[in-house]
Amino acid sequence: MVLATLGWQYVRAGESLVSAVWSYVLAGVGISGLLIAARHPKIGWWFNISAQALWATYAIVTRQWGFLASTAGYTVAYARLLVVANKKRDRA
């Protein structure tokens, strides 16, 4: 039975509204990080790397272990983008 609808996220009896809120917060953090990186790459990529701690926490709390693999992959990707941004800045 659906108790409440929050956007596209359905919260069923026994499920926590907290997990629905987390998904929106994490989406906002991720989008913000990309927007920051577009304007200020060094700050943005550090922001995104730091945000992976939130995703790891979410994965552990909700027992969605696949997000831990995702967190590792995104951390590596963002770190590489940070290295590229630093090299471009040094050449300029």
Protein backbone atom coordinates (compact mmCIF):
# COMPACT_ATOMS: atom_id res chain seq x y z
CA MET A 1 0.00 0.00 0.00
CA VAL A 2 1.33 3.43 -0.91
CA LEU A 3 1.29 5.85 2.00
CA ALA A 4 2.80 8.88 0.28
CA THR A 5 4.28 9.94 -3.01
CA LEU A 6 7.34 12.16 -3.15
CA GLY A 7 7.99 12.94 -6.80
CA TRP A 8 8.52 9.59 -8.48
CA GLN A 9 9.57 7.90 -5.24
CA TYR A 10 6.86 5.82 -3.62
CA VAL A 11 7.09 5.22 0.09
CA ARG A 12 5.40 1.97 1.11
CA ALA A 13 4.28 0.88 4.55
CA GLY A 14 7.30 0.04 6.65
CA GLU A 15 9.76 1.97 4.46
CA SER A 16 11.43 5.09 5.70
CA LEU A 17 10.68 8.50 4.24
CA VAL A 18 14.32 9.25 5.04
CA SER A 19 15.49 7.09 2.10
CA ALA A 20 13.25 9.06 -0.27
CA VAL A 21 14.65 12.35 1.03
CA TRP A 22 18.20 11.00 0.76
CA SER A 23 17.74 10.27 -2.93
CA TYR A 24 16.73 13.87 -3.63
CA VAL A 25 19.53 15.29 -1.50
CA LEU A 26 22.11 13.09 -3.22
CA ALA A 27 20.79 14.05 -6.65
CA GLY A 28 21.03 17.73 -5.72
CA VAL A 29 24.58 17.32 -4.43
CA GLY A 30 25.63 15.47 -7.59
CA ILE A 31 24.13 18.03 -9.95
CA SER A 32 25.59 20.89 -7.91
CA GLY A 33 29.03 19.29 -8.08
CA LEU A 34 28.89 19.02 -11.85
CA LEU A 35 27.76 22.64 -12.19
CA ILE A 36 30.56 23.79 -9.91
CA ALA A 37 33.09 21.71 -11.88
CA ALA A 38 31.98 23.34 -15.13
CA ARG A 39 32.87 26.78 -13.78
CA HIS A 40 35.64 25.99 -11.27
CA PRO A 41 37.06 22.55 -12.16
CA LYS A 42 39.46 22.12 -9.23
CA ILE A 43 36.84 23.03 -6.62
CA GLY A 44 34.10 21.08 -8.42
CA TRP A 45 36.04 17.83 -8.72
CA TRP A 46 37.08 18.03 -5.06
CA PHE A 47 33.41 18.65 -4.18
CA ASN A 48 32.37 15.58 -6.20
CA ILE A 49 35.08 13.41 -4.66
CA SER A 50 33.93 14.48 -1.19
CA ALA A 51 30.30 13.80 -2.08
CA GLN A 52 31.16 10.14 -2.60
CA ALA A 53 31.29 9.80 1.19
CA LEU A 54 27.57 10.60 1.23
CA TRP A 55 26.91 7.95 -1.42
CA ALA A 56 28.95 5.40 0.53
CA THR A 57 26.98 6.22 3.68
CA TYR A 58 23.72 5.86 1.75
CA ALA A 59 24.87 2.49 0.39
CA ILE A 60 25.70 1.18 3.85
CA VAL A 61 22.58 2.53 5.58
CA THR A 62 20.22 1.21 2.89
CA ARG A 63 22.26 -1.96 2.31
CA GLN A 64 22.47 -1.26 -1.40
CA TRP A 65 25.97 -2.60 -1.86
CA GLY A 66 26.13 -1.83 -5.58
CA PHE A 67 26.40 1.85 -4.70
CA LEU A 68 29.76 1.13 -3.03
CA ALA A 69 31.13 -0.07 -6.37
CA SER A 70 29.61 3.01 -7.99
CA THR A 71 31.24 5.21 -5.36
CA ALA A 72 34.65 3.70 -6.08
CA GLY A 73 34.22 4.18 -9.83
CA TYR A 74 33.07 7.78 -9.54
CA THR A 75 35.89 8.59 -7.12
CA VAL A 76 38.47 7.31 -9.62
CA ALA A 77 36.80 9.19 -12.49
CA TYR A 78 36.57 12.46 -10.56
CA ALA A 79 40.19 12.13 -9.40
CA ARG A 80 41.32 11.71 -13.01
CA LEU A 81 39.29 14.75 -14.04
CA LEU A 82 40.91 16.70 -11.19
CA VAL A 83 44.38 15.73 -12.46
CA VAL A 84 43.43 16.87 -15.98
CA ALA A 85 42.04 20.16 -14.64
CA ASN A 86 45.25 20.78 -12.71
CA LYS A 87 47.40 20.08 -15.77
CA LYS A 88 45.34 22.47 -17.89
CA ARG A 89 45.62 25.15 -15.23
CA ASP A 90 49.40 24.70 -15.02
CA ARG A 91 49.74 25.12 -18.81
CA ALA A 92 47.68 28.29 -18.86
